[in-house]
Amino acid sequence: MKQYFKPILLAVVFLVMQGLAGVVMTGILLFVNPDFKEATLAGSQEAAMEALPVSWLAMATVVAGILTVLVASAMKLISWRAAFRWSGRQTAGAWLPLLAAVVGIFAIDVLEEQLHLPNLLEAQFADMMHSTLGILTICLVAPVVEELCFREAVTGGLLRRGAAPWTAILISALLFGLIHANPVQIVVAGLMGIMLGIIYYKSGSIVLPTVLHILNNSVATFLTVTFGQDASFTEWADSVVLSVLAGLLAAVVSIVLFVRYWRSH
């Protein structure tokens, strides 16, 4: 169990870096942004969040992610050569995990709609999705950083230290969900982490998981910007029963496809 300590510790490092970046950015804002300073000193959290520039929130996320990757690299948890390795054979077989993941993401989205879990960061994400820097952070920087940290460093780190594949995948997925520290994201990111972990293990690199992660975040951003953050499949279908049945069917199809992918490689 000792050999698993460093990969698991990285999740704590990720949270610490997010906290430090937030504290530093907040400290700077207190000096350069009068509205933010006034709201903070008045103890109004809502007003302070409204005065918080979206660009600063995005920069804090980017800085925290880059620092975490640097720490992971210093801890020798990232195998840079293997992380981005790709071959023609992987390209030819990429359709199966891609299809399995896309169908699985739909099932997760339907589940999210039915659970009605609190989304503590909904307003912040909505603001970021209407900012160029925010969109780049959500759709590009965050997926690359999180795949390096949680698939390559945590899942890969555990595998290279002798962990069984499913042990590494599930531990990484659990940590991936928990570091989001947001009830709805804990469930969604945790389930996403399982799918991305399987694809990472079977493909041997973070290339395909990163592509899927970017695709997922980009589609979510597009739908939010286009139809609003309250848009849902249940509302579109105008039936909770139809929505649940579609979600269950998608979950079954995704599981069958992932089982086939697991056995065929």
Protein backbone atom coordinates (compact mmCIF):
# COMPACT_ATOMS: atom_id res chain seq x y z
CA MET A 1 0.00 0.00 0.00
CA LYS A 2 2.97 2.28 0.62
CA GLN A 3 3.79 2.34 -3.08
CA TYR A 4 0.37 3.82 -3.81
CA PHE A 5 0.91 6.86 -1.56
CA LYS A 6 2.47 9.26 -4.09
CA PRO A 7 -0.18 8.87 -6.83
CA ILE A 8 -3.00 9.29 -4.30
CA LEU A 9 -1.21 12.26 -2.68
CA LEU A 10 -1.38 14.08 -6.01
CA ALA A 11 -5.13 14.65 -5.56
CA VAL A 12 -4.34 16.52 -2.33
CA VAL A 13 -1.66 18.51 -4.16
CA PHE A 14 -4.24 19.40 -6.84
CA LEU A 15 -6.63 20.79 -4.22
CA VAL A 16 -3.84 22.65 -2.41
CA MET A 17 -2.68 24.28 -5.64
CA GLN A 18 -6.24 25.35 -6.43
CA GLY A 19 -6.55 26.86 -2.97
CA LEU A 20 -3.19 28.64 -3.16
CA ALA A 21 -3.92 30.03 -6.61
CA GLY A 22 -7.30 31.26 -5.36
CA VAL A 23 -5.77 32.91 -2.28
CA VAL A 24 -3.03 34.62 -4.31
CA MET A 25 -5.47 35.86 -6.95
CA THR A 26 -7.85 37.09 -4.24
CA GLY A 27 -5.01 38.92 -2.49
CA ILE A 28 -4.01 40.69 -5.69
CA LEU A 29 -7.63 41.59 -6.49
CA LEU A 30 -8.04 43.23 -3.09
CA PHE A 31 -5.44 45.78 -4.18
CA VAL A 32 -6.39 46.29 -7.83
CA ASN A 33 -10.18 45.93 -7.83
CA PRO A 34 -12.04 48.44 -5.58
CA ASP A 35 -15.46 46.78 -6.07
CA PHE A 36 -14.13 43.37 -5.08
CA LYS A 37 -12.32 44.86 -2.08
CA GLU A 38 -15.43 46.71 -0.90
CA ALA A 39 -17.66 43.63 -1.22
CA THR A 40 -15.10 41.41 0.53
CA LEU A 41 -14.58 43.79 3.45
CA ALA A 42 -18.35 44.17 3.77
CA GLY A 43 -18.63 40.39 4.12
CA SER A 44 -20.95 40.06 1.13
CA GLN A 45 -19.96 36.80 -0.56
CA GLU A 46 -22.56 37.20 -3.31
CA ALA A 47 -21.38 40.72 -4.17
CA ALA A 48 -17.74 39.62 -4.04
CA MET A 49 -18.41 36.80 -6.51
CA GLU A 50 -20.22 39.20 -8.84
CA ALA A 51 -17.22 41.55 -8.72
CA LEU A 52 -14.75 38.72 -9.34
CA PRO A 53 -13.52 39.01 -12.96
CA VAL A 54 -14.06 35.82 -14.96
CA SER A 55 -10.56 36.16 -16.42
CA TRP A 56 -9.04 35.94 -12.94
CA LEU A 57 -11.01 32.82 -12.10
CA ALA A 58 -9.80 31.25 -15.34
CA MET A 59 -6.19 32.29 -14.68
CA ALA A 60 -6.32 30.80 -11.17
CA THR A 61 -7.53 27.51 -12.66
CA VAL A 62 -4.76 27.51 -15.28
CA VAL A 63 -2.02 28.39 -12.79
CA ALA A 64 -3.18 25.71 -10.32
CA GLY A 65 -3.29 23.09 -13.08
CA ILE A 66 0.17 23.89 -14.43
CA LEU A 67 1.70 23.87 -10.94
CA THR A 68 0.09 20.49 -10.21
CA VAL A 69 1.49 19.02 -13.44
CA LEU A 70 4.95 20.34 -12.53
CA VAL A 71 4.69 18.75 -9.08
CA ALA A 72 3.50 15.46 -10.60
CA SER A 73 6.46 15.52 -12.98
CA ALA A 74 8.87 16.25 -10.11
CA MET A 75 7.36 13.30 -8.20
CA LYS A 76 8.12 11.15 -11.28
CA LEU A 77 4.45 10.29 -11.70
CA ILE A 78 4.30 11.34 -15.36
CA SER A 79 5.94 9.30 -18.09
CA TRP A 80 6.06 12.02 -20.75
CA ARG A 81 7.16 9.73 -23.57
CA ALA A 82 4.39 7.20 -22.93
CA ALA A 83 1.69 9.76 -22.07
CA PHE A 84 1.29 10.99 -25.67
CA ARG A 85 2.28 7.81 -27.50
CA TRP A 86 -0.05 7.03 -30.42
CA SER A 87 -0.08 4.62 -33.33
CA GLY A 88 -2.04 3.80 -36.46
CA ARG A 89 -3.46 0.73 -34.77
CA GLN A 90 -4.87 2.87 -31.98
CA THR A 91 -6.41 5.23 -34.53
CA ALA A 92 -8.07 2.34 -36.39
CA GLY A 93 -9.67 1.04 -33.20
CA ALA A 94 -10.58 4.41 -31.70
CA TRP A 95 -14.18 4.32 -32.94
CA LEU A 96 -15.23 1.73 -30.32
CA PRO A 97 -14.16 3.57 -27.14
CA LEU A 98 -15.27 6.88 -28.65
CA LEU A 99 -18.76 5.53 -29.32
CA ALA A 100 -18.92 3.82 -25.92
CA ALA A 101 -17.91 7.04 -24.15
CA VAL A 102 -20.25 9.33 -26.11
CA VAL A 103 -23.23 7.06 -25.34
CA GLY A 104 -22.06 6.79 -21.73
CA ILE A 105 -21.80 10.57 -21.39
CA PHE A 106 -25.41 10.89 -22.54
CA ALA A 107 -26.46 8.36 -19.86
CA ILE A 108 -24.52 10.30 -17.21
CA ASP A 109 -26.15 13.57 -18.29
CA VAL A 110 -29.62 12.03 -17.95
CA LEU A 111 -28.68 10.67 -14.51
CA GLU A 112 -27.45 14.12 -13.49
CA GLU A 113 -30.78 15.66 -14.52
CA GLN A 114 -32.77 13.15 -12.44
CA LEU A 115 -30.62 13.40 -9.28
CA HIS A 116 -31.05 17.20 -8.95
CA LEU A 117 -27.82 17.49 -6.95
CA PRO A 118 -26.64 20.96 -5.84
CA ASN A 119 -24.39 22.75 -8.32
CA LEU A 120 -22.41 25.15 -6.14
CA LEU A 121 -20.34 26.52 -9.02
CA GLU A 122 -23.09 26.89 -11.61
CA ALA A 123 -22.93 30.70 -11.77
CA GLN A 124 -19.13 30.76 -12.02
CA PHE A 125 -19.06 28.20 -14.84
CA ALA A 126 -21.85 30.03 -16.68
CA ASP A 127 -19.80 33.24 -16.53
CA MET A 128 -16.65 31.47 -17.73
CA MET A 129 -18.56 29.98 -20.67
CA HIS A 130 -19.24 33.51 -21.93
CA SER A 131 -15.59 34.54 -21.82
CA THR A 132 -12.92 33.65 -24.39
CA LEU A 133 -10.32 32.87 -21.73
CA GLY A 134 -12.94 30.97 -19.73
CA ILE A 135 -13.90 28.83 -22.73
CA LEU A 136 -10.24 28.06 -23.49
CA THR A 137 -9.74 27.08 -19.85
CA ILE A 138 -12.80 24.82 -19.69
CA CYS A 139 -12.50 23.27 -23.16
CA LEU A 140 -8.73 22.94 -23.58
CA VAL A 141 -6.51 23.67 -20.59
CA ALA A 142 -8.55 21.85 -17.92
CA PRO A 143 -8.95 18.62 -19.96
CA VAL A 144 -5.23 18.40 -20.76
CA VAL A 145 -4.16 19.17 -17.19
CA GLU A 146 -6.70 16.80 -15.62
CA GLU A 147 -5.80 13.94 -17.95
CA LEU A 148 -2.10 14.40 -17.20
CA CYS A 149 -2.81 14.48 -13.46
CA PHE A 150 -5.53 11.86 -13.04
CA ARG A 151 -5.06 9.43 -15.89
CA GLU A 152 -1.30 9.58 -16.47
CA ALA A 153 -0.09 10.46 -12.97
CA VAL A 154 -2.69 8.76 -10.75
CA THR A 155 -4.00 5.85 -12.86
CA GLY A 156 -0.67 5.35 -14.61
CA GLY A 157 1.29 5.90 -11.41
CA LEU A 158 -0.73 3.24 -9.60
CA LEU A 159 -0.41 0.79 -12.51
CA ARG A 160 3.36 1.28 -12.70
CA ARG A 161 3.53 0.54 -8.98
CA GLY A 162 1.79 -2.79 -9.37
CA ALA A 163 -1.86 -1.90 -8.74
CA ALA A 164 -4.49 -4.06 -10.44
CA PRO A 165 -6.11 -2.27 -13.44
CA TRP A 166 -9.55 -1.89 -11.86
CA THR A 167 -8.03 -0.74 -8.55
CA ALA A 168 -6.09 2.00 -10.35
CA ILE A 169 -9.09 3.02 -12.49
CA LEU A 170 -11.56 3.21 -9.59
CA ILE A 171 -9.19 5.02 -7.19
CA SER A 172 -8.37 7.57 -9.87
CA ALA A 173 -12.06 8.05 -10.76
CA LEU A 174 -13.00 8.52 -7.10
CA LEU A 175 -10.27 11.12 -6.59
CA PHE A 176 -11.19 12.81 -9.86
CA GLY A 177 -14.76 13.21 -8.65
CA LEU A 178 -13.82 14.38 -5.15
CA ILE A 179 -11.36 17.08 -6.24
CA HIS A 180 -14.18 18.93 -8.00
CA ALA A 181 -15.66 19.57 -4.53
CA ASN A 182 -19.11 20.18 -6.01
CA PRO A 183 -21.92 17.65 -5.37
CA VAL A 184 -23.13 17.35 -8.96
CA GLN A 185 -19.57 17.23 -10.36
CA ILE A 186 -18.47 14.58 -7.87
CA VAL A 187 -20.96 12.13 -9.39
CA VAL A 188 -20.54 13.20 -13.02
CA ALA A 189 -16.73 13.48 -12.93
CA GLY A 190 -16.45 10.22 -10.98
CA LEU A 191 -18.39 8.26 -13.62
CA MET A 192 -16.53 10.06 -16.41
CA GLY A 193 -13.30 9.12 -14.65
CA ILE A 194 -14.16 5.42 -14.89
CA MET A 195 -14.72 5.63 -18.65
CA LEU A 196 -11.61 7.72 -19.25
CA GLY A 197 -9.60 5.42 -16.99
CA ILE A 198 -10.62 2.35 -18.99
CA ILE A 199 -9.68 4.06 -22.25
CA TYR A 200 -6.35 5.21 -20.79
CA TYR A 201 -5.49 1.72 -19.58
CA LYS A 202 -6.46 -0.01 -22.83
CA SER A 203 -4.94 2.58 -25.19
CA GLY A 204 -1.79 3.13 -23.15
CA SER A 205 -1.76 6.94 -23.45
CA ILE A 206 -3.78 10.02 -22.58
CA VAL A 207 -4.37 10.99 -26.23
CA LEU A 208 -7.83 9.48 -26.63
CA PRO A 209 -9.03 10.31 -23.07
CA THR A 210 -7.91 13.91 -23.62
CA VAL A 211 -9.75 14.13 -26.96
CA LEU A 212 -12.91 12.81 -25.29
CA HIS A 213 -12.51 15.17 -22.34
CA ILE A 214 -12.11 18.15 -24.68
CA LEU A 215 -15.11 17.00 -26.74
CA ASN A 216 -17.29 16.58 -23.62
CA ASN A 217 -16.42 20.01 -22.20
CA SER A 218 -16.75 21.72 -25.59
CA VAL A 219 -20.20 20.24 -26.29
CA ALA A 220 -21.37 21.12 -22.77
CA THR A 221 -20.13 24.68 -23.23
CA PHE A 222 -21.78 24.99 -26.65
CA LEU A 223 -25.13 23.71 -25.35
CA THR A 224 -25.01 26.01 -22.31
CA VAL A 225 -24.16 29.09 -24.36
CA THR A 226 -26.71 28.24 -27.07
CA PHE A 227 -29.68 26.98 -25.06
CA GLY A 228 -28.98 28.23 -21.52
CA GLN A 229 -27.74 26.42 -18.42
CA ASP A 230 -31.24 25.13 -17.55
CA ALA A 231 -31.71 23.26 -20.84
CA SER A 232 -32.06 19.49 -20.43
CA PHE A 233 -32.92 16.35 -22.37
CA THR A 234 -35.89 15.74 -20.04
CA GLU A 235 -37.31 19.15 -20.92
CA TRP A 236 -36.70 18.56 -24.64
CA ALA A 237 -38.36 15.11 -24.52
CA ASP A 238 -41.20 16.56 -22.41
CA SER A 239 -41.28 13.33 -20.41
CA VAL A 240 -39.38 12.15 -17.34
CA VAL A 241 -40.21 8.52 -18.14
CA LEU A 242 -38.93 8.80 -21.72
CA SER A 243 -35.80 10.55 -20.47
CA VAL A 244 -35.07 7.86 -17.87
CA LEU A 245 -35.68 5.05 -20.37
CA ALA A 246 -33.36 6.69 -22.89
CA GLY A 247 -30.72 7.09 -20.18
CA LEU A 248 -31.00 3.45 -19.11
CA LEU A 249 -30.77 2.26 -22.72
CA ALA A 250 -27.71 4.45 -23.28
CA ALA A 251 -26.09 3.08 -20.09
CA VAL A 252 -26.65 -0.53 -21.21
CA VAL A 253 -25.29 0.16 -24.71
CA SER A 254 -22.26 1.96 -23.26
CA ILE A 255 -21.48 -0.91 -20.86
CA VAL A 256 -21.78 -3.50 -23.66
CA LEU A 257 -19.46 -1.47 -25.89
CA PHE A 258 -16.92 -1.00 -23.09
CA VAL A 259 -16.96 -4.73 -22.31
CA ARG A 260 -16.30 -5.44 -25.99
CA TYR A 261 -13.48 -2.86 -26.00
CA TRP A 262 -11.95 -4.35 -22.86
CA ARG A 263 -11.97 -7.86 -24.35
CA SER A 264 -10.83 -6.93 -27.84
CA HIS A 265 -7.55 -5.26 -26.94
